[in-house]
All heavy atoms as atom14 arrays in JSON, in Angstrom:
{
  "sequence": "RIDPIKGIGRIFSARSLMELGKTILKFLLVAAVAVTILWQLSDWLL",
  "atom14_mask": [
    [1, 1, 1, 1, 1, 1, 1, 1, 1, 1, 1, 0, 0, 0],
    [1, 1, 1, 1, 1, 1, 1, 1, 0, 0, 0, 0, 0, 0],
    [1, 1, 1, 1, 1, 1, 1, 1, 0, 0, 0, 0, 0, 0],
    [1, 1, 1, 1, 1, 1, 1, 0, 0, 0, 0, 0, 0, 0],
    [1, 1, 1, 1, 1, 1, 1, 1, 0, 0, 0, 0, 0, 0],
    [1, 1, 1, 1, 1, 1, 1, 1, 1, 0, 0, 0, 0, 0],
    [1, 1, 1, 1, 0, 0, 0, 0, 0, 0, 0, 0, 0, 0],
    [1, 1, 1, 1, 1, 1, 1, 1, 0, 0, 0, 0, 0, 0],
    [1, 1, 1, 1, 0, 0, 0, 0, 0, 0, 0, 0, 0, 0],
    [1, 1, 1, 1, 1, 1, 1, 1, 1, 1, 1, 0, 0, 0],
    [1, 1, 1, 1, 1, 1, 1, 1, 0, 0, 0, 0, 0, 0],
    [1, 1, 1, 1, 1, 1, 1, 1, 1, 1, 1, 0, 0, 0],
    [1, 1, 1, 1, 1, 1, 0, 0, 0, 0, 0, 0, 0, 0],
    [1, 1, 1, 1, 1, 0, 0, 0, 0, 0, 0, 0, 0, 0],
    [1, 1, 1, 1, 1, 1, 1, 1, 1, 1, 1, 0, 0, 0],
    [1, 1, 1, 1, 1, 1, 0, 0, 0, 0, 0, 0, 0, 0],
    [1, 1, 1, 1, 1, 1, 1, 1, 0, 0, 0, 0, 0, 0],
    [1, 1, 1, 1, 1, 1, 1, 1, 0, 0, 0, 0, 0, 0],
    [1, 1, 1, 1, 1, 1, 1, 1, 1, 0, 0, 0, 0, 0],
    [1, 1, 1, 1, 1, 1, 1, 1, 0, 0, 0, 0, 0, 0],
    [1, 1, 1, 1, 0, 0, 0, 0, 0, 0, 0, 0, 0, 0],
    [1, 1, 1, 1, 1, 1, 1, 1, 1, 0, 0, 0, 0, 0],
    [1, 1, 1, 1, 1, 1, 1, 0, 0, 0, 0, 0, 0, 0],
    [1, 1, 1, 1, 1, 1, 1, 1, 0, 0, 0, 0, 0, 0],
    [1, 1, 1, 1, 1, 1, 1, 1, 0, 0, 0, 0, 0, 0],
    [1, 1, 1, 1, 1, 1, 1, 1, 1, 0, 0, 0, 0, 0],
    [1, 1, 1, 1, 1, 1, 1, 1, 1, 1, 1, 0, 0, 0],
    [1, 1, 1, 1, 1, 1, 1, 1, 0, 0, 0, 0, 0, 0],
    [1, 1, 1, 1, 1, 1, 1, 1, 0, 0, 0, 0, 0, 0],
    [1, 1, 1, 1, 1, 1, 1, 0, 0, 0, 0, 0, 0, 0],
    [1, 1, 1, 1, 1, 0, 0, 0, 0, 0, 0, 0, 0, 0],
    [1, 1, 1, 1, 1, 0, 0, 0, 0, 0, 0, 0, 0, 0],
    [1, 1, 1, 1, 1, 1, 1, 0, 0, 0, 0, 0, 0, 0],
    [1, 1, 1, 1, 1, 0, 0, 0, 0, 0, 0, 0, 0, 0],
    [1, 1, 1, 1, 1, 1, 1, 0, 0, 0, 0, 0, 0, 0],
    [1, 1, 1, 1, 1, 1, 1, 0, 0, 0, 0, 0, 0, 0],
    [1, 1, 1, 1, 1, 1, 1, 1, 0, 0, 0, 0, 0, 0],
    [1, 1, 1, 1, 1, 1, 1, 1, 0, 0, 0, 0, 0, 0],
    [1, 1, 1, 1, 1, 1, 1, 1, 1, 1, 1, 1, 1, 1],
    [1, 1, 1, 1, 1, 1, 1, 1, 1, 0, 0, 0, 0, 0],
    [1, 1, 1, 1, 1, 1, 1, 1, 0, 0, 0, 0, 0, 0],
    [1, 1, 1, 1, 1, 1, 0, 0, 0, 0, 0, 0, 0, 0],
    [1, 1, 1, 1, 1, 1, 1, 1, 0, 0, 0, 0, 0, 0],
    [1, 1, 1, 1, 1, 1, 1, 1, 1, 1, 1, 1, 1, 1],
    [1, 1, 1, 1, 1, 1, 1, 1, 0, 0, 0, 0, 0, 0],
    [1, 1, 1, 1, 1, 1, 1, 1, 0, 0, 0, 0, 0, 0]
  ],
  "atom14_positions": [
    [[4.33, -39.06, -5.6], [5.02, -38.46, -6.81], [4.38, -37.16, -7.16], [4.94, -36.33, -7.92], [5.01, -39.45, -7.99], [5.89, -40.63, -7.71], [5.85, -41.57, -8.88], [6.67, -42.8, -8.65], [6.72, -43.85, -9.47], [5.91, -43.85, -10.49], [7.53, -44.86, -9.25], [0.0, 0.0, 0.0], [0.0, 0.0, 0.0], [0.0, 0.0, 0.0]],
    [[3.07, -36.99, -6.73], [2.37, -35.74, -7.05], [2.22, -34.91, -5.82], [1.44, -33.95, -5.89], [0.95, -36.07, -7.63], [0.14, -36.9, -6.65], [1.13, -36.77, -8.9], [-1.32, -37.19, -7.11], [0.0, 0.0, 0.0], [0.0, 0.0, 0.0], [0.0, 0.0, 0.0], [0.0, 0.0, 0.0], [0.0, 0.0, 0.0], [0.0, 0.0, 0.0]],
    [[2.9, -35.34, -4.79], [2.98, -34.41, -3.51], [3.64, -33.15, -3.79], [4.88, -33.22, -3.95], [3.49, -35.21, -2.32], [3.29, -34.42, -1.02], [3.0, -33.23, -1.04], [3.44, -35.06, -0.01], [0.0, 0.0, 0.0], [0.0, 0.0, 0.0], [0.0, 0.0, 0.0], [0.0, 0.0, 0.0], [0.0, 0.0, 0.0], [0.0, 0.0, 0.0]],
    [[3.08, -31.87, -3.73], [3.87, -30.72, -4.01], [4.93, -30.47, -3.01], [6.0, -29.92, -3.46], [2.78, -29.57, -3.94], [1.63, -30.19, -3.05], [1.69, -31.68, -3.37], [0.0, 0.0, 0.0], [0.0, 0.0, 0.0], [0.0, 0.0, 0.0], [0.0, 0.0, 0.0], [0.0, 0.0, 0.0], [0.0, 0.0, 0.0], [0.0, 0.0, 0.0]],
    [[4.79, -30.71, -1.77], [5.82, -30.57, -0.7], [7.14, -31.4, -1.03], [8.25, -30.94, -1.19], [5.38, -30.91, 0.64], [4.17, -30.14, 1.01], [6.42, -30.68, 1.74], [4.33, -28.64, 1.04], [0.0, 0.0, 0.0], [0.0, 0.0, 0.0], [0.0, 0.0, 0.0], [0.0, 0.0, 0.0], [0.0, 0.0, 0.0], [0.0, 0.0, 0.0]],
    [[6.89, -32.75, -1.42], [8.0, -33.46, -1.7], [8.54, -33.14, -3.12], [9.72, -33.28, -3.38], [7.56, -34.99, -1.78], [7.16, -35.61, -0.42], [6.86, -36.98, -0.47], [6.58, -37.52, 0.97], [6.31, -39.0, 0.97], [0.0, 0.0, 0.0], [0.0, 0.0, 0.0], [0.0, 0.0, 0.0], [0.0, 0.0, 0.0], [0.0, 0.0, 0.0]],
    [[7.7, -32.65, -4.0], [8.24, -32.23, -5.26], [9.16, -31.05, -5.2], [10.21, -30.95, -5.86], [0.0, 0.0, 0.0], [0.0, 0.0, 0.0], [0.0, 0.0, 0.0], [0.0, 0.0, 0.0], [0.0, 0.0, 0.0], [0.0, 0.0, 0.0], [0.0, 0.0, 0.0], [0.0, 0.0, 0.0], [0.0, 0.0, 0.0], [0.0, 0.0, 0.0]],
    [[8.84, -30.02, -4.24], [9.75, -28.85, -3.96], [11.12, -29.41, -3.35], [12.14, -28.95, -3.78], [9.04, -27.92, -3.06], [7.85, -27.3, -3.78], [10.03, -26.78, -2.7], [7.03, -26.39, -2.95], [0.0, 0.0, 0.0], [0.0, 0.0, 0.0], [0.0, 0.0, 0.0], [0.0, 0.0, 0.0], [0.0, 0.0, 0.0], [0.0, 0.0, 0.0]],
    [[10.92, -30.4, -2.49], [12.08, -31.05, -1.88], [13.01, -31.66, -2.91], [14.22, -31.62, -2.84], [0.0, 0.0, 0.0], [0.0, 0.0, 0.0], [0.0, 0.0, 0.0], [0.0, 0.0, 0.0], [0.0, 0.0, 0.0], [0.0, 0.0, 0.0], [0.0, 0.0, 0.0], [0.0, 0.0, 0.0], [0.0, 0.0, 0.0], [0.0, 0.0, 0.0]],
    [[12.39, -32.36, -3.88], [13.14, -32.88, -4.97], [13.85, -31.86, -5.75], [14.96, -32.1, -6.38], [12.28, -33.86, -5.84], [11.94, -35.13, -5.14], [11.28, -36.15, -6.1], [10.05, -35.71, -6.66], [8.89, -35.99, -6.15], [8.78, -36.71, -5.04], [7.8, -35.57, -6.67], [0.0, 0.0, 0.0], [0.0, 0.0, 0.0], [0.0, 0.0, 0.0]],
    [[13.22, -30.71, -6.03], [13.87, -29.83, -6.83], [15.14, -29.14, -6.24], [16.16, -29.02, -6.98], [12.85, -28.61, -7.05], [11.7, -29.04, -7.87], [13.53, -27.35, -7.6], [10.58, -27.96, -7.96], [0.0, 0.0, 0.0], [0.0, 0.0, 0.0], [0.0, 0.0, 0.0], [0.0, 0.0, 0.0], [0.0, 0.0, 0.0], [0.0, 0.0, 0.0]],
    [[15.16, -29.1, -4.91], [16.36, -28.63, -4.34], [17.15, -29.65, -3.67], [18.03, -29.41, -2.67], [15.97, -27.56, -3.23], [15.29, -26.37, -3.84], [13.91, -26.24, -3.79], [16.01, -25.26, -4.46], [13.29, -25.11, -4.34], [15.34, -24.2, -4.91], [13.97, -24.12, -4.93], [0.0, 0.0, 0.0], [0.0, 0.0, 0.0], [0.0, 0.0, 0.0]],
    [[17.06, -30.81, -4.12], [17.81, -31.98, -3.51], [19.19, -32.06, -4.12], [19.53, -31.4, -5.13], [17.07, -33.3, -3.74], [16.87, -33.59, -5.14], [0.0, 0.0, 0.0], [0.0, 0.0, 0.0], [0.0, 0.0, 0.0], [0.0, 0.0, 0.0], [0.0, 0.0, 0.0], [0.0, 0.0, 0.0], [0.0, 0.0, 0.0], [0.0, 0.0, 0.0]],
    [[20.02, -32.97, -3.47], [21.33, -33.17, -4.16], [21.31, -33.79, -5.51], [22.11, -33.5, -6.43], [22.18, -34.08, -3.14], [0.0, 0.0, 0.0], [0.0, 0.0, 0.0], [0.0, 0.0, 0.0], [0.0, 0.0, 0.0], [0.0, 0.0, 0.0], [0.0, 0.0, 0.0], [0.0, 0.0, 0.0], [0.0, 0.0, 0.0], [0.0, 0.0, 0.0]],
    [[20.28, -34.64, -5.81], [20.08, -35.2, -7.15], [19.9, -34.16, -8.04], [20.39, -34.15, -9.23], [19.01, -36.29, -7.1], [18.62, -36.77, -8.43], [17.63, -37.88, -8.34], [18.14, -39.06, -7.77], [18.8, -39.96, -8.51], [18.94, -39.86, -9.78], [19.26, -41.08, -7.87], [0.0, 0.0, 0.0], [0.0, 0.0, 0.0], [0.0, 0.0, 0.0]],
    [[18.93, -33.08, -7.85], [18.55, -32.18, -8.75], [19.86, -31.25, -9.06], [20.1, -30.9, -10.18], [17.47, -31.25, -8.17], [16.33, -31.96, -8.01], [0.0, 0.0, 0.0], [0.0, 0.0, 0.0], [0.0, 0.0, 0.0], [0.0, 0.0, 0.0], [0.0, 0.0, 0.0], [0.0, 0.0, 0.0], [0.0, 0.0, 0.0], [0.0, 0.0, 0.0]],
    [[20.56, -30.91, -8.11], [21.88, -30.21, -8.28], [22.78, -30.98, -9.1], [23.49, -30.31, -10.0], [22.46, -29.82, -6.92], [21.63, -28.86, -5.94], [22.35, -28.61, -4.61], [21.5, -27.58, -6.63], [0.0, 0.0, 0.0], [0.0, 0.0, 0.0], [0.0, 0.0, 0.0], [0.0, 0.0, 0.0], [0.0, 0.0, 0.0], [0.0, 0.0, 0.0]],
    [[22.89, -32.23, -8.86], [23.72, -33.02, -9.72], [23.29, -33.06, -11.24], [24.06, -32.97, -12.11], [23.66, -34.51, -9.17], [24.69, -35.44, -9.95], [26.43, -35.0, -9.71], [27.26, -36.25, -10.68], [0.0, 0.0, 0.0], [0.0, 0.0, 0.0], [0.0, 0.0, 0.0], [0.0, 0.0, 0.0], [0.0, 0.0, 0.0], [0.0, 0.0, 0.0]],
    [[21.96, -33.11, -11.37], [21.43, -33.11, -12.75], [21.72, -31.73, -13.36], [22.09, -31.69, -14.61], [19.88, -33.39, -12.75], [19.49, -34.76, -12.26], [19.99, -35.81, -13.2], [20.17, -35.6, -14.51], [20.3, -36.98, -12.72], [0.0, 0.0, 0.0], [0.0, 0.0, 0.0], [0.0, 0.0, 0.0], [0.0, 0.0, 0.0], [0.0, 0.0, 0.0]],
    [[21.61, -30.64, -12.68], [21.87, -29.33, -13.3], [23.32, -29.2, -13.53], [23.77, -28.81, -14.69], [21.55, -28.34, -12.19], [21.88, -26.8, -12.63], [21.12, -26.4, -13.9], [21.55, -25.88, -11.52], [0.0, 0.0, 0.0], [0.0, 0.0, 0.0], [0.0, 0.0, 0.0], [0.0, 0.0, 0.0], [0.0, 0.0, 0.0], [0.0, 0.0, 0.0]],
    [[24.25, -29.75, -12.72], [25.68, -29.74, -13.03], [26.07, -30.59, -14.3], [26.79, -30.15, -15.11], [0.0, 0.0, 0.0], [0.0, 0.0, 0.0], [0.0, 0.0, 0.0], [0.0, 0.0, 0.0], [0.0, 0.0, 0.0], [0.0, 0.0, 0.0], [0.0, 0.0, 0.0], [0.0, 0.0, 0.0], [0.0, 0.0, 0.0], [0.0, 0.0, 0.0]],
    [[25.3, -31.75, -14.29], [25.57, -32.63, -15.61], [25.1, -31.89, -16.86], [25.77, -32.05, -17.86], [24.84, -33.97, -15.37], [25.48, -34.82, -14.31], [24.97, -36.16, -14.26], [23.4, -36.17, -14.12], [22.84, -37.52, -14.05], [0.0, 0.0, 0.0], [0.0, 0.0, 0.0], [0.0, 0.0, 0.0], [0.0, 0.0, 0.0], [0.0, 0.0, 0.0]],
    [[23.99, -31.29, -16.76], [23.41, -30.57, -17.99], [24.46, -29.52, -18.42], [24.75, -29.36, -19.61], [22.08, -29.96, -17.67], [21.13, -30.95, -17.31], [21.48, -29.29, -18.91], [0.0, 0.0, 0.0], [0.0, 0.0, 0.0], [0.0, 0.0, 0.0], [0.0, 0.0, 0.0], [0.0, 0.0, 0.0], [0.0, 0.0, 0.0], [0.0, 0.0, 0.0]],
    [[24.93, -28.73, -17.56], [25.86, -27.64, -17.87], [27.14, -28.2, -18.4], [27.72, -27.72, -19.43], [26.17, -26.7, -16.62], [24.88, -26.05, -16.26], [27.3, -25.63, -16.99], [24.99, -25.25, -14.96], [0.0, 0.0, 0.0], [0.0, 0.0, 0.0], [0.0, 0.0, 0.0], [0.0, 0.0, 0.0], [0.0, 0.0, 0.0], [0.0, 0.0, 0.0]],
    [[27.62, -29.25, -17.72], [28.92, -29.92, -18.17], [28.63, -30.55, -19.58], [29.54, -30.48, -20.42], [29.24, -31.02, -17.17], [30.52, -31.79, -17.46], [31.81, -30.8, -17.52], [30.82, -32.85, -16.37], [0.0, 0.0, 0.0], [0.0, 0.0, 0.0], [0.0, 0.0, 0.0], [0.0, 0.0, 0.0], [0.0, 0.0, 0.0], [0.0, 0.0, 0.0]],
    [[27.55, -31.1, -19.88], [27.28, -31.72, -21.18], [27.29, -30.67, -22.21], [27.92, -30.88, -23.37], [26.05, -32.63, -21.18], [26.06, -33.85, -20.51], [24.78, -34.67, -20.76], [23.57, -34.05, -20.1], [22.32, -34.88, -20.1], [0.0, 0.0, 0.0], [0.0, 0.0, 0.0], [0.0, 0.0, 0.0], [0.0, 0.0, 0.0], [0.0, 0.0, 0.0]],
    [[26.63, -29.59, -21.93], [26.57, -28.51, -22.96], [27.94, -27.94, -23.3], [28.3, -27.8, -24.39], [25.59, -27.37, -22.39], [25.63, -26.09, -23.26], [24.96, -26.08, -24.49], [26.4, -24.95, -22.9], [25.08, -25.02, -25.32], [26.46, -23.92, -23.71], [25.72, -23.8, -24.94], [0.0, 0.0, 0.0], [0.0, 0.0, 0.0], [0.0, 0.0, 0.0]],
    [[28.77, -27.75, -22.22], [30.09, -27.21, -22.49], [31.03, -28.09, -23.23], [31.71, -27.66, -24.11], [30.78, -26.8, -21.05], [29.97, -25.67, -20.27], [30.69, -25.45, -18.96], [30.01, -24.34, -21.03], [0.0, 0.0, 0.0], [0.0, 0.0, 0.0], [0.0, 0.0, 0.0], [0.0, 0.0, 0.0], [0.0, 0.0, 0.0], [0.0, 0.0, 0.0]],
    [[30.87, -29.39, -22.81], [31.77, -30.36, -23.44], [31.42, -30.52, -24.95], [32.29, -30.53, -25.88], [31.58, -31.79, -22.7], [32.43, -31.78, -21.38], [32.09, -33.18, -20.74], [33.89, -31.75, -21.58], [0.0, 0.0, 0.0], [0.0, 0.0, 0.0], [0.0, 0.0, 0.0], [0.0, 0.0, 0.0], [0.0, 0.0, 0.0], [0.0, 0.0, 0.0]],
    [[30.04, -30.72, -25.15], [29.64, -30.94, -26.54], [29.98, -29.64, -27.44], [30.4, -29.79, -28.54], [28.14, -31.37, -26.56], [27.67, -31.38, -28.07], [28.02, -32.68, -25.91], [0.0, 0.0, 0.0], [0.0, 0.0, 0.0], [0.0, 0.0, 0.0], [0.0, 0.0, 0.0], [0.0, 0.0, 0.0], [0.0, 0.0, 0.0], [0.0, 0.0, 0.0]],
    [[29.74, -28.65, -26.78], [29.93, -27.27, -27.51], [31.43, -27.16, -27.89], [31.77, -26.84, -29.0], [29.5, -26.13, -26.72], [0.0, 0.0, 0.0], [0.0, 0.0, 0.0], [0.0, 0.0, 0.0], [0.0, 0.0, 0.0], [0.0, 0.0, 0.0], [0.0, 0.0, 0.0], [0.0, 0.0, 0.0], [0.0, 0.0, 0.0], [0.0, 0.0, 0.0]],
    [[32.29, -27.47, -26.89], [33.74, -27.32, -27.06], [34.18, -28.29, -28.17], [35.06, -27.99, -29.03], [34.49, -27.53, -25.83], [0.0, 0.0, 0.0], [0.0, 0.0, 0.0], [0.0, 0.0, 0.0], [0.0, 0.0, 0.0], [0.0, 0.0, 0.0], [0.0, 0.0, 0.0], [0.0, 0.0, 0.0], [0.0, 0.0, 0.0], [0.0, 0.0, 0.0]],
    [[33.77, -29.6, -28.03], [34.25, -30.63, -29.1], [33.63, -30.27, -30.44], [34.34, -30.35, -31.53], [33.64, -31.97, -28.63], [33.94, -32.97, -29.7], [34.33, -32.44, -27.41], [0.0, 0.0, 0.0], [0.0, 0.0, 0.0], [0.0, 0.0, 0.0], [0.0, 0.0, 0.0], [0.0, 0.0, 0.0], [0.0, 0.0, 0.0], [0.0, 0.0, 0.0]],
    [[32.35, -29.69, -30.55], [31.79, -29.32, -31.82], [32.52, -28.16, -32.51], [32.88, -28.21, -33.66], [30.26, -29.0, -31.62], [0.0, 0.0, 0.0], [0.0, 0.0, 0.0], [0.0, 0.0, 0.0], [0.0, 0.0, 0.0], [0.0, 0.0, 0.0], [0.0, 0.0, 0.0], [0.0, 0.0, 0.0], [0.0, 0.0, 0.0], [0.0, 0.0, 0.0]],
    [[32.92, -27.25, -31.66], [33.64, -26.08, -32.25], [34.97, -26.52, -32.71], [35.45, -26.16, -33.84], [33.67, -24.99, -31.13], [34.73, -23.88, -31.62], [32.39, -24.38, -30.86], [0.0, 0.0, 0.0], [0.0, 0.0, 0.0], [0.0, 0.0, 0.0], [0.0, 0.0, 0.0], [0.0, 0.0, 0.0], [0.0, 0.0, 0.0], [0.0, 0.0, 0.0]],
    [[35.62, -27.45, -31.99], [37.03, -27.86, -32.29], [36.9, -28.6, -33.65], [37.71, -28.59, -34.6], [37.54, -28.72, -31.21], [37.59, -27.99, -30.0], [38.88, -29.28, -31.58], [0.0, 0.0, 0.0], [0.0, 0.0, 0.0], [0.0, 0.0, 0.0], [0.0, 0.0, 0.0], [0.0, 0.0, 0.0], [0.0, 0.0, 0.0], [0.0, 0.0, 0.0]],
    [[35.94, -29.58, -33.77], [35.78, -30.37, -34.97], [35.43, -29.42, -36.16], [36.04, -29.72, -37.24], [34.6, -31.44, -34.81], [35.01, -32.36, -33.64], [34.32, -32.1, -36.04], [34.03, -33.44, -33.35], [0.0, 0.0, 0.0], [0.0, 0.0, 0.0], [0.0, 0.0, 0.0], [0.0, 0.0, 0.0], [0.0, 0.0, 0.0], [0.0, 0.0, 0.0]],
    [[34.46, -28.49, -36.06], [34.14, -27.66, -37.13], [35.31, -26.84, -37.59], [35.63, -26.55, -38.73], [33.01, -26.7, -36.67], [31.59, -27.34, -36.47], [30.55, -26.38, -36.02], [31.18, -27.98, -37.93], [0.0, 0.0, 0.0], [0.0, 0.0, 0.0], [0.0, 0.0, 0.0], [0.0, 0.0, 0.0], [0.0, 0.0, 0.0], [0.0, 0.0, 0.0]],
    [[36.18, -26.34, -36.55], [37.39, -25.65, -36.86], [38.39, -26.5, -37.76], [38.99, -26.01, -38.65], [37.94, -25.14, -35.61], [39.29, -24.35, -35.94], [40.61, -24.74, -35.85], [39.31, -22.95, -36.22], [41.39, -23.73, -36.04], [40.7, -22.61, -36.37], [38.29, -21.99, -36.42], [41.07, -21.31, -36.71], [38.87, -20.69, -36.67], [40.17, -20.38, -36.81]],
    [[38.44, -27.76, -37.35], [39.47, -28.63, -38.04], [38.95, -28.99, -39.42], [39.67, -29.24, -40.33], [39.6, -29.92, -37.15], [40.37, -29.66, -35.85], [41.78, -29.31, -36.02], [42.44, -29.69, -37.06], [42.26, -28.43, -35.08], [0.0, 0.0, 0.0], [0.0, 0.0, 0.0], [0.0, 0.0, 0.0], [0.0, 0.0, 0.0], [0.0, 0.0, 0.0]],
    [[37.65, -29.1, -39.58], [36.93, -29.46, -40.82], [36.6, -28.38, -41.73], [35.85, -28.48, -42.86], [35.86, -30.38, -40.6], [36.03, -31.69, -39.89], [34.7, -32.38, -39.7], [36.96, -32.59, -40.62], [0.0, 0.0, 0.0], [0.0, 0.0, 0.0], [0.0, 0.0, 0.0], [0.0, 0.0, 0.0], [0.0, 0.0, 0.0], [0.0, 0.0, 0.0]],
    [[36.96, -27.13, -41.36], [36.59, -26.01, -42.15], [37.03, -26.04, -43.61], [36.25, -25.82, -44.54], [36.98, -24.73, -41.5], [38.41, -24.61, -41.35], [0.0, 0.0, 0.0], [0.0, 0.0, 0.0], [0.0, 0.0, 0.0], [0.0, 0.0, 0.0], [0.0, 0.0, 0.0], [0.0, 0.0, 0.0], [0.0, 0.0, 0.0], [0.0, 0.0, 0.0]],
    [[38.33, -26.39, -43.87], [38.68, -26.51, -45.25], [38.01, -27.64, -45.97], [37.66, -27.46, -47.14], [40.26, -26.74, -45.17], [41.14, -25.5, -44.68], [40.5, -24.43, -44.59], [42.18, -25.72, -44.11], [0.0, 0.0, 0.0], [0.0, 0.0, 0.0], [0.0, 0.0, 0.0], [0.0, 0.0, 0.0], [0.0, 0.0, 0.0], [0.0, 0.0, 0.0]],
    [[37.77, -28.75, -45.35], [37.13, -29.89, -46.04], [35.8, -29.48, -46.42], [35.21, -29.84, -47.4], [37.2, -31.04, -45.11], [36.61, -32.28, -45.75], [37.06, -33.1, -46.55], [35.19, -32.74, -45.53], [36.21, -34.1, -46.88], [35.0, -33.94, -46.24], [34.18, -32.24, -44.66], [33.81, -34.57, -46.22], [32.96, -33.01, -44.6], [32.86, -34.11, -45.5]],
    [[35.02, -28.81, -45.49], [33.68, -28.38, -45.78], [33.58, -27.34, -46.89], [32.63, -27.54, -47.76], [33.04, -27.79, -44.53], [32.67, -28.69, -43.33], [32.25, -27.87, -42.1], [31.73, -29.76, -43.62], [0.0, 0.0, 0.0], [0.0, 0.0, 0.0], [0.0, 0.0, 0.0], [0.0, 0.0, 0.0], [0.0, 0.0, 0.0], [0.0, 0.0, 0.0]],
    [[34.56, -26.42, -47.08], [34.56, -25.55, -48.08], [34.9, -26.23, -49.44], [34.46, -25.9, -50.46], [35.64, -24.46, -47.84], [35.31, -23.5, -46.73], [36.49, -22.47, -46.44], [34.04, -22.69, -47.0], [0.0, 0.0, 0.0], [0.0, 0.0, 0.0], [0.0, 0.0, 0.0], [0.0, 0.0, 0.0], [0.0, 0.0, 0.0], [0.0, 0.0, 0.0]]
  ]
}
């Protein structure tokens, strides 16, 4: 787990790419839902 060679390999592995894709997808989804909800609740918040 502390081997630098294997650590570099894990960085560019399919799992790391999958984690990066999930992070971007989560940000986009949550941001889109949050903006939509705030837009719908703008009158109520005011």
